C-alpha atoms as a PDB file:
ATOM      1  CA  MET A   1     105.121  74.089  91.859  1.00  0.00           C
ATOM      2  CA  ILE A   2     104.440  76.221  94.928  1.00  0.00           C
ATOM      3  CA  VAL A   3     102.377  79.380  94.400  1.00  0.00           C
ATOM      4  CA  ALA A   4     101.673  82.173  96.849  1.00  0.00           C
ATOM      5  CA  ILE A   5      98.208  83.684  96.569  1.00  0.00           C
ATOM      6  CA  ILE A   6      97.512  86.940  98.377  1.00  0.00           C
ATOM      7  CA  PRO A   7      93.762  87.677  98.509  1.00  0.00           C
ATOM      8  CA  ALA A   8      92.808  91.356  98.477  1.00  0.00           C
ATOM      9  CA  ARG A   9      89.265  92.289  97.589  1.00  0.00           C
ATOM     10  CA  GLY A  10      88.427  95.946  97.137  1.00  0.00           C
ATOM     11  CA  GLY A  11      85.491  96.187  99.542  1.00  0.00           C
ATOM     12  CA  SER A  12      86.343  96.842 103.186  1.00  0.00           C
ATOM     13  CA  LYS A  13      83.851  98.103 105.740  1.00  0.00           C
ATOM     14  CA  ASN A  14      85.891  98.767 108.900  1.00  0.00           C
ATOM     15  CA  ILE A  15      88.865 100.347 107.124  1.00  0.00           C
ATOM     16  CA  PRO A  16      88.277 101.728 103.600  1.00  0.00           C
ATOM     17  CA  LYS A  17      90.940 100.482 101.149  1.00  0.00           C
ATOM     18  CA  LYS A  18      92.393  98.406 103.979  1.00  0.00           C
ATOM     19  CA  ASN A  19      94.620  96.248 101.792  1.00  0.00           C
ATOM     20  CA  ILE A  20      96.517  99.258 100.447  1.00  0.00           C
ATOM     21  CA  ILE A  21      96.523 101.458 103.558  1.00  0.00           C
ATOM     22  CA  ASN A  22      99.875 103.109 104.271  1.00  0.00           C
ATOM     23  CA  LEU A  23     102.182 101.243 106.643  1.00  0.00           C
ATOM     24  CA  GLY A  24     105.666 102.635 107.105  1.00  0.00           C
ATOM     25  CA  GLY A  25     105.571 104.347 103.730  1.00  0.00           C
ATOM     26  CA  PHE A  26     104.316 101.366 101.713  1.00  0.00           C
ATOM     27  CA  PRO A  27     100.859  99.943 100.953  1.00  0.00           C
ATOM     28  CA  LEU A  28      99.894  97.134 103.300  1.00  0.00           C
ATOM     29  CA  ILE A  29      99.783  94.491 100.577  1.00  0.00           C
ATOM     30  CA  ALA A  30     103.414  95.191  99.618  1.00  0.00           C
ATOM     31  CA  TYR A  31     104.600  93.470 102.808  1.00  0.00           C
ATOM     32  CA  SER A  32     102.943  90.159 101.911  1.00  0.00           C
ATOM     33  CA  ILE A  33     104.266  90.378  98.350  1.00  0.00           C
ATOM     34  CA  ALA A  34     107.768  91.033  99.707  1.00  0.00           C
ATOM     35  CA  ALA A  35     107.559  88.093 102.125  1.00  0.00           C
ATOM     36  CA  ALA A  36     106.512  85.745  99.305  1.00  0.00           C
ATOM     37  CA  LYS A  37     109.222  87.005  96.954  1.00  0.00           C
ATOM     38  CA  LEU A  38     111.886  86.555  99.645  1.00  0.00           C
ATOM     39  CA  SER A  39     110.784  82.975 100.276  1.00  0.00           C
ATOM     40  CA  LYS A  40     113.201  80.392  98.912  1.00  0.00           C
ATOM     41  CA  LYS A  41     110.410  77.861  98.333  1.00  0.00           C
ATOM     42  CA  ILE A  42     107.738  79.870  96.490  1.00  0.00           C
ATOM     43  CA  ASN A  43     107.866  79.803  92.682  1.00  0.00           C
ATOM     44  CA  ARG A  44     105.148  82.331  91.789  1.00  0.00           C
ATOM     45  CA  VAL A  45     103.575  85.249  93.659  1.00  0.00           C
ATOM     46  CA  MET A  46     100.009  86.138  92.698  1.00  0.00           C
ATOM     47  CA  VAL A  47      97.487  88.632  94.057  1.00  0.00           C
ATOM     48  CA  ASP A  48      93.835  87.631  93.804  1.00  0.00           C
ATOM     49  CA  THR A  49      91.723  90.781  93.682  1.00  0.00           C
ATOM     50  CA  ASP A  50      88.573  92.194  92.121  1.00  0.00           C
ATOM     51  CA  ASN A  51      89.930  95.741  92.252  1.00  0.00           C
ATOM     52  CA  GLU A  52      91.910  97.480  89.490  1.00  0.00           C
ATOM     53  CA  GLU A  53      93.694  99.874  91.874  1.00  0.00           C
ATOM     54  CA  ILE A  54      94.889  97.022  94.088  1.00  0.00           C
ATOM     55  CA  ALA A  55      95.940  95.119  90.969  1.00  0.00           C
ATOM     56  CA  ASP A  56      98.026  98.047  89.667  1.00  0.00           C
ATOM     57  CA  ILE A  57      99.734  98.595  93.027  1.00  0.00           C
ATOM     58  CA  SER A  58     100.446  94.878  93.411  1.00  0.00           C
ATOM     59  CA  LYS A  59     102.100  94.754  89.987  1.00  0.00           C
ATOM     60  CA  LYS A  60     104.416  97.608  90.967  1.00  0.00           C
ATOM     61  CA  PHE A  61     105.698  95.499  93.858  1.00  0.00           C
ATOM     62  CA  GLY A  62     106.296  92.443  91.701  1.00  0.00           C
ATOM     63  CA  ALA A  63     103.145  90.338  91.991  1.00  0.00           C
ATOM     64  CA  GLU A  64     101.369  88.672  89.082  1.00  0.00           C
ATOM     65  CA  ILE A  65      97.719  89.536  88.406  1.00  0.00           C
ATOM     66  CA  PRO A  66      96.699  86.897  85.845  1.00  0.00           C
ATOM     67  CA  TYR A  67      92.973  87.550  86.333  1.00  0.00           C
ATOM     68  CA  LEU A  68      90.538  89.695  88.303  1.00  0.00           C
ATOM     69  CA  ARG A  69      88.381  87.895  90.826  1.00  0.00           C
ATOM     70  CA  PRO A  70      84.716  87.660  89.736  1.00  0.00           C
ATOM     71  CA  LYS A  71      82.448  89.956  91.739  1.00  0.00           C
ATOM     72  CA  GLU A  72      80.360  87.053  93.027  1.00  0.00           C
ATOM     73  CA  PHE A  73      83.397  85.814  94.942  1.00  0.00           C
ATOM     74  CA  ALA A  74      84.247  89.256  96.349  1.00  0.00           C
ATOM     75  CA  THR A  75      81.230  90.071  98.535  1.00  0.00           C
ATOM     76  CA  ASP A  76      81.138  90.513 102.308  1.00  0.00           C
ATOM     77  CA  PHE A  77      79.834  86.949 102.541  1.00  0.00           C
ATOM     78  CA  SER A  78      82.325  85.300 100.194  1.00  0.00           C
ATOM     79  CA  THR A  79      84.485  82.617 101.772  1.00  0.00           C
ATOM     80  CA  ASP A  80      88.125  81.655 101.392  1.00  0.00           C
ATOM     81  CA  PHE A  81      86.927  78.513  99.651  1.00  0.00           C
ATOM     82  CA  ASP A  82      85.152  80.592  96.990  1.00  0.00           C
ATOM     83  CA  PHE A  83      88.176  82.521  95.763  1.00  0.00           C
ATOM     84  CA  MET A  84      90.623  79.656  96.274  1.00  0.00           C
ATOM     85  CA  ASN A  85      88.451  77.202  94.343  1.00  0.00           C
ATOM     86  CA  HIS A  86      88.114  79.790  91.557  1.00  0.00           C
ATOM     87  CA  SER A  87      91.893  80.226  91.472  1.00  0.00           C
ATOM     88  CA  ILE A  88      92.491  76.476  91.240  1.00  0.00           C
ATOM     89  CA  GLY A  89      89.942  76.332  88.404  1.00  0.00           C
ATOM     90  CA  TRP A  90      91.855  79.105  86.618  1.00  0.00           C
ATOM     91  CA  PHE A  91      95.029  77.021  86.762  1.00  0.00           C
ATOM     92  CA  GLN A  92      93.199  73.974  85.434  1.00  0.00           C
ATOM     93  CA  GLU A  93      91.700  75.916  82.528  1.00  0.00           C
ATOM     94  CA  ASN A  94      94.606  78.166  81.581  1.00  0.00           C
ATOM     95  CA  LYS A  95      97.736  76.300  82.619  1.00  0.00           C
ATOM     96  CA  LYS A  96      96.536  72.695  82.273  1.00  0.00           C
ATOM     97  CA  GLU A  97      98.176  71.999  85.617  1.00  0.00           C
ATOM     98  CA  ILE A  98      97.642  72.910  89.232  1.00  0.00           C
ATOM     99  CA  PRO A  99     100.153  73.902  91.932  1.00  0.00           C
ATOM    100  CA  ASP A 100     101.325  71.245  94.347  1.00  0.00           C
ATOM    101  CA  TYR A 101     100.764  73.717  97.172  1.00  0.00           C
ATOM    102  CA  ILE A 102      99.174  77.145  97.471  1.00  0.00           C
ATOM    103  CA  VAL A 103     100.596  79.385 100.186  1.00  0.00           C
ATOM    104  CA  HIS A 104      97.762  81.619 101.359  1.00  0.00           C
ATOM    105  CA  LEU A 105      99.105  84.916 102.724  1.00  0.00           C
ATOM    106  CA  ARG A 106      96.533  87.385 104.024  1.00  0.00           C
ATOM    107  CA  PRO A 107      97.695  91.016 103.593  1.00  0.00           C
ATOM    108  CA  THR A 108      96.105  91.925 106.928  1.00  0.00           C
ATOM    109  CA  THR A 109      98.950  90.068 108.660  1.00  0.00           C
ATOM    110  CA  PRO A 110     101.771  92.079 107.087  1.00  0.00           C
ATOM    111  CA  LEU A 111     104.751  91.324 109.337  1.00  0.00           C
ATOM    112  CA  ARG A 112     106.281  87.948 108.541  1.00  0.00           C
ATOM    113  CA  GLU A 113     109.711  86.381 108.396  1.00  0.00           C
ATOM    114  CA  PRO A 114     110.218  84.688 104.999  1.00  0.00           C
ATOM    115  CA  CYS A 115     112.206  81.912 106.678  1.00  0.00           C
ATOM    116  CA  ARG A 116     109.107  81.017 108.706  1.00  0.00           C
ATOM    117  CA  ILE A 117     107.076  80.701 105.505  1.00  0.00           C
ATOM    118  CA  ASP A 118     109.719  78.309 104.169  1.00  0.00           C
ATOM    119  CA  GLU A 119     109.664  76.415 107.460  1.00  0.00           C
ATOM    120  CA  ALA A 120     105.894  75.932 107.163  1.00  0.00           C
ATOM    121  CA  ILE A 121     106.253  74.752 103.549  1.00  0.00           C
ATOM    122  CA  GLU A 122     108.908  72.228 104.545  1.00  0.00           C
ATOM    123  CA  LYS A 123     106.674  70.996 107.358  1.00  0.00           C
ATOM    124  CA  ILE A 124     103.690  70.203 105.132  1.00  0.00           C
ATOM    125  CA  ILE A 125     105.840  68.685 102.375  1.00  0.00           C
ATOM    126  CA  SER A 126     107.293  66.249 104.908  1.00  0.00           C
ATOM    127  CA  ASN A 127     103.900  65.263 106.339  1.00  0.00           C
ATOM    128  CA  LYS A 128     101.926  63.211 103.821  1.00  0.00           C
ATOM    129  CA  LYS A 129      98.923  62.802 106.148  1.00  0.00           C
ATOM    130  CA  ALA A 130      98.208  66.542 106.276  1.00  0.00           C
ATOM    131  CA  THR A 131      95.254  67.919 104.318  1.00  0.00           C
ATOM    132  CA  SER A 132      96.389  71.525 104.896  1.00  0.00           C
ATOM    133  CA  LEU A 133      98.444  73.709 107.225  1.00  0.00           C
ATOM    134  CA  ARG A 134      97.317  76.653 109.310  1.00  0.00           C
ATOM    135  CA  SER A 135      99.209  79.005 111.561  1.00  0.00           C
ATOM    136  CA  GLY A 136      98.141  80.251 114.964  1.00  0.00           C
ATOM    137  CA  TYR A 137      99.583  81.821 118.077  1.00  0.00           C
ATOM    138  CA  GLU A 138      99.029  80.731 121.653  1.00  0.00           C
ATOM    139  CA  ILE A 139      96.495  82.860 123.514  1.00  0.00           C
ATOM    140  CA  ARG A 140      96.690  83.649 127.195  1.00  0.00           C
ATOM    141  CA  GLU A 141      93.243  82.574 128.381  1.00  0.00           C
ATOM    142  CA  SER A 142      91.622  79.211 127.771  1.00  0.00           C
ATOM    143  CA  PRO A 143      88.010  79.277 126.513  1.00  0.00           C
ATOM    144  CA  HIS A 144      87.271  77.167 129.622  1.00  0.00           C
ATOM    145  CA  LYS A 145      87.583  80.382 131.630  1.00  0.00           C
ATOM    146  CA  LEU A 146      85.021  82.257 129.515  1.00  0.00           C
ATOM    147  CA  PHE A 147      81.291  82.649 130.166  1.00  0.00           C
ATOM    148  CA  GLY A 148      78.116  82.729 128.176  1.00  0.00           C
ATOM    149  CA  ILE A 149      74.904  84.341 129.460  1.00  0.00           C
ATOM    150  CA  LYS A 150      71.701  82.384 130.011  1.00  0.00           C
ATOM    151  CA  LYS A 151      68.630  84.098 131.446  1.00  0.00           C
ATOM    152  CA  ASP A 152      70.757  86.978 132.748  1.00  0.00           C
ATOM    153  CA  PHE A 153      73.260  84.702 134.522  1.00  0.00           C
ATOM    154  CA  PHE A 154      76.817  83.834 133.580  1.00  0.00           C
ATOM    155  CA  THR A 155      77.187  80.182 132.645  1.00  0.00           C
ATOM    156  CA  GLY A 156      80.231  78.066 131.852  1.00  0.00           C
ATOM    157  CA  LEU A 157      80.764  77.024 128.251  1.00  0.00           C
ATOM    158  CA  PHE A 158      81.918  73.485 129.059  1.00  0.00           C
ATOM    159  CA  PRO A 159      79.225  71.710 131.114  1.00  0.00           C
ATOM    160  CA  GLN A 160      80.958  68.398 130.409  1.00  0.00           C
ATOM    161  CA  ASP A 161      83.836  69.545 132.657  1.00  0.00           C
ATOM    162  CA  LYS A 162      82.758  68.146 136.025  1.00  0.00           C
ATOM    163  CA  ARG A 163      85.372  69.921 138.122  1.00  0.00           C
ATOM    164  CA  PRO A 164      83.641  72.300 140.564  1.00  0.00           C
ATOM    165  CA  GLU A 165      83.841  75.869 139.273  1.00  0.00           C
ATOM    166  CA  TYR A 166      86.392  74.788 136.695  1.00  0.00           C
ATOM    167  CA  TRP A 167      86.442  78.344 135.318  1.00  0.00           C
ATOM    168  CA  ASN A 168      88.250  79.458 138.486  1.00  0.00           C
ATOM    169  CA  LEU A 169      91.107  76.993 138.066  1.00  0.00           C
ATOM    170  CA  PRO A 170      94.530  78.415 137.176  1.00  0.00           C
ATOM    171  CA  ARG A 171      95.437  78.771 133.510  1.00  0.00           C
ATOM    172  CA  GLN A 172      97.900  75.898 133.847  1.00  0.00           C
ATOM    173  CA  ALA A 173      94.990  73.511 134.520  1.00  0.00           C
ATOM    174  CA  PHE A 174      93.965  73.700 130.866  1.00  0.00           C
ATOM    175  CA  PRO A 175      95.759  72.710 127.661  1.00  0.00           C
ATOM    176  CA  PRO A 176      97.203  75.537 125.549  1.00  0.00           C
ATOM    177  CA  VAL A 177      94.916  76.952 122.875  1.00  0.00           C
ATOM    178  CA  TYR A 178      95.768  78.768 119.679  1.00  0.00           C
ATOM    179  CA  GLN A 179      94.211  81.646 117.751  1.00  0.00           C
ATOM    180  CA  PRO A 180      94.287  80.996 113.983  1.00  0.00           C
ATOM    181  CA  ASP A 181      95.860  83.930 112.197  1.00  0.00           C
ATOM    182  CA  GLY A 182      96.886  85.035 108.713  1.00  0.00           C
ATOM    183  CA  TYR A 183     100.611  84.419 109.062  1.00  0.00           C
ATOM    184  CA  VAL A 184     100.668  81.451 106.687  1.00  0.00           C
ATOM    185  CA  ASP A 185      98.110  78.904 105.500  1.00  0.00           C
ATOM    186  CA  ILE A 186      98.969  76.206 102.996  1.00  0.00           C
ATOM    187  CA  ILE A 187      96.375  74.579 100.768  1.00  0.00           C
ATOM    188  CA  ILE A 188      96.736  71.362  98.766  1.00  0.00           C
ATOM    189  CA  PRO A 189      94.803  71.901  95.499  1.00  0.00           C
ATOM    190  CA  LYS A 190      94.407  68.172  94.751  1.00  0.00           C
ATOM    191  CA  PHE A 191      92.674  67.765  98.109  1.00  0.00           C
ATOM    192  CA  VAL A 192      90.393  70.759  97.449  1.00  0.00           C
ATOM    193  CA  ILE A 193      89.357  69.423  94.026  1.00  0.00           C
ATOM    194  CA  LYS A 194      88.635  65.931  95.333  1.00  0.00           C
ATOM    195  CA  ASN A 195      86.837  66.880  98.550  1.00  0.00           C
ATOM    196  CA  GLN A 196      85.461  70.376  97.850  1.00  0.00           C
ATOM    197  CA  LYS A 197      86.863  71.460 101.198  1.00  0.00           C
ATOM    198  CA  LEU A 198      89.653  73.908 101.904  1.00  0.00           C
ATOM    199  CA  HIS A 199      91.397  72.493 104.959  1.00  0.00           C
ATOM    200  CA  GLY A 200      90.043  69.045 105.757  1.00  0.00           C
ATOM    201  CA  THR A 201      90.446  67.356 109.137  1.00  0.00           C
ATOM    202  CA  LYS A 202      94.228  66.865 109.179  1.00  0.00           C
ATOM    203  CA  ILE A 203      95.197  70.507 109.623  1.00  0.00           C
ATOM    204  CA  LEU A 204      98.896  70.651 110.324  1.00  0.00           C
ATOM    205  CA  ALA A 205      99.671  73.155 113.081  1.00  0.00           C
ATOM    206  CA  TYR A 206     102.283  75.853 112.631  1.00  0.00           C
ATOM    207  CA  LYS A 207     102.932  77.916 115.757  1.00  0.00           C
ATOM    208  CA  SER A 208     103.367  81.522 114.690  1.00  0.00           C
ATOM    209  CA  PRO A 209     104.295  84.676 116.590  1.00  0.00           C
ATOM    210  CA  ASP A 210     101.587  87.268 117.186  1.00  0.00           C
ATOM    211  CA  THR A 211     102.841  90.083 114.943  1.00  0.00           C
ATOM    212  CA  GLY A 212      99.488  91.833 114.637  1.00  0.00           C
ATOM    213  CA  GLU A 213      96.426  91.531 112.402  1.00  0.00           C
ATOM    214  CA  LEU A 214      94.709  94.551 110.898  1.00  0.00           C
ATOM    215  CA  ASP A 215      90.962  94.516 111.427  1.00  0.00           C
ATOM    216  CA  LYS A 216      90.301  97.883 113.068  1.00  0.00           C
ATOM    217  CA  PHE A 217      92.148 101.224 112.961  1.00  0.00           C
ATOM    218  CA  GLU A 218      93.400 100.606 116.517  1.00  0.00           C
ATOM    219  CA  ASP A 219      95.271  97.516 115.301  1.00  0.00           C
ATOM    220  CA  LEU A 220      97.395  99.671 113.034  1.00  0.00           C
ATOM    221  CA  LYS A 221      99.137 101.291 116.024  1.00  0.00           C
ATOM    222  CA  PHE A 222     100.386  97.931 117.318  1.00  0.00           C
ATOM    223  CA  ILE A 223     101.553  96.871 113.850  1.00  0.00           C
ATOM    224  CA  GLU A 224     103.351 100.187 113.295  1.00  0.00           C
ATOM    225  CA  PHE A 225     105.057  99.850 116.686  1.00  0.00           C
ATOM    226  CA  ASN A 226     106.112  96.291 115.850  1.00  0.00           C
ATOM    227  CA  LEU A 227     107.400  97.420 112.448  1.00  0.00           C
ATOM    228  CA  GLN A 228     109.657 100.083 113.967  1.00  0.00           C
ATOM    229  CA  LYS A 229     110.709  97.996 116.957  1.00  0.00           C
ATOM    230  CA  ASN A 230     112.192  95.078 114.998  1.00  0.00           C
ATOM    231  CA  ASN A 231     114.557  94.807 112.059  1.00  0.00           C
ATOM    232  CA  TRP A 232     112.211  93.249 109.510  1.00  0.00           C
ATOM    233  CA  GLU A 233     113.809  91.735 106.406  1.00  0.00           C
ATOM    234  CA  ILE A 234     110.704  92.525 104.359  1.00  0.00           C
ATOM    235  CA  TYR A 235     110.825  96.197 105.369  1.00  0.00           C
ATOM    236  CA  GLN A 236     114.473  96.491 104.385  1.00  0.00           C
ATOM    237  CA  TYR A 237     113.674  94.798 101.080  1.00  0.00           C
ATOM    238  CA  LEU A 238     110.927  97.319 100.348  1.00  0.00           C
ATOM    239  CA  LYS A 239     113.078 100.317 101.297  1.00  0.00           C
ATOM    240  CA  ASN A 240     115.987  99.070  99.203  1.00  0.00           C
ATOM    241  CA  ASN A 241     113.955  98.247  96.097  1.00  0.00           C
ATOM    242  CA  PHE A 242     111.007 100.663  95.899  1.00  0.00           C
END
């Protein structure tokens, strides 16, 4: 069994009600629900929230809300492990079984192609050494070219790199680096139960496109532009069904 879990707590400091903010005429969370429902590999689509309003909206777009997240796992300091471990425990207690895989879809990365979700699922199923899968997009600048400040002076972050002024070398002199994003993460519940860790050390890499993540109001402009610029299957699904 493969279950999608979309986490959406009610509290949001930078953007009030961020998970249900309007995007193209639909609440933000609807896009992640649509992507999961259009996946050919996902069997159940659940929203994990502590908020009744988010729960009601999520139900309208076809997600299951089998429980409300306990408040102690919905604070500003709560971790992904907290709510995911609680969810796995709910399956153990109420269903007497656990999913083979949990597809973790953050609503703050709303623009996804369902076929890419399926591609990521196929990738982790075929790799038995993996303890999890995470997505990320390649970023332009290597951290080798960044500085810290020590006693009012810029200082390189990689003193073990003995090349003179390595921070001035061209970008091509460094290996590519990736920014983890919310496009698709995949958790293996059996691993989480056994090790009390979410991802482990064998994190399978899935290279995702940078479609935009909503953290600040300014991010919404880029996401809205991307939504209108491309012919998104999830957007057509929402317009045709809701």
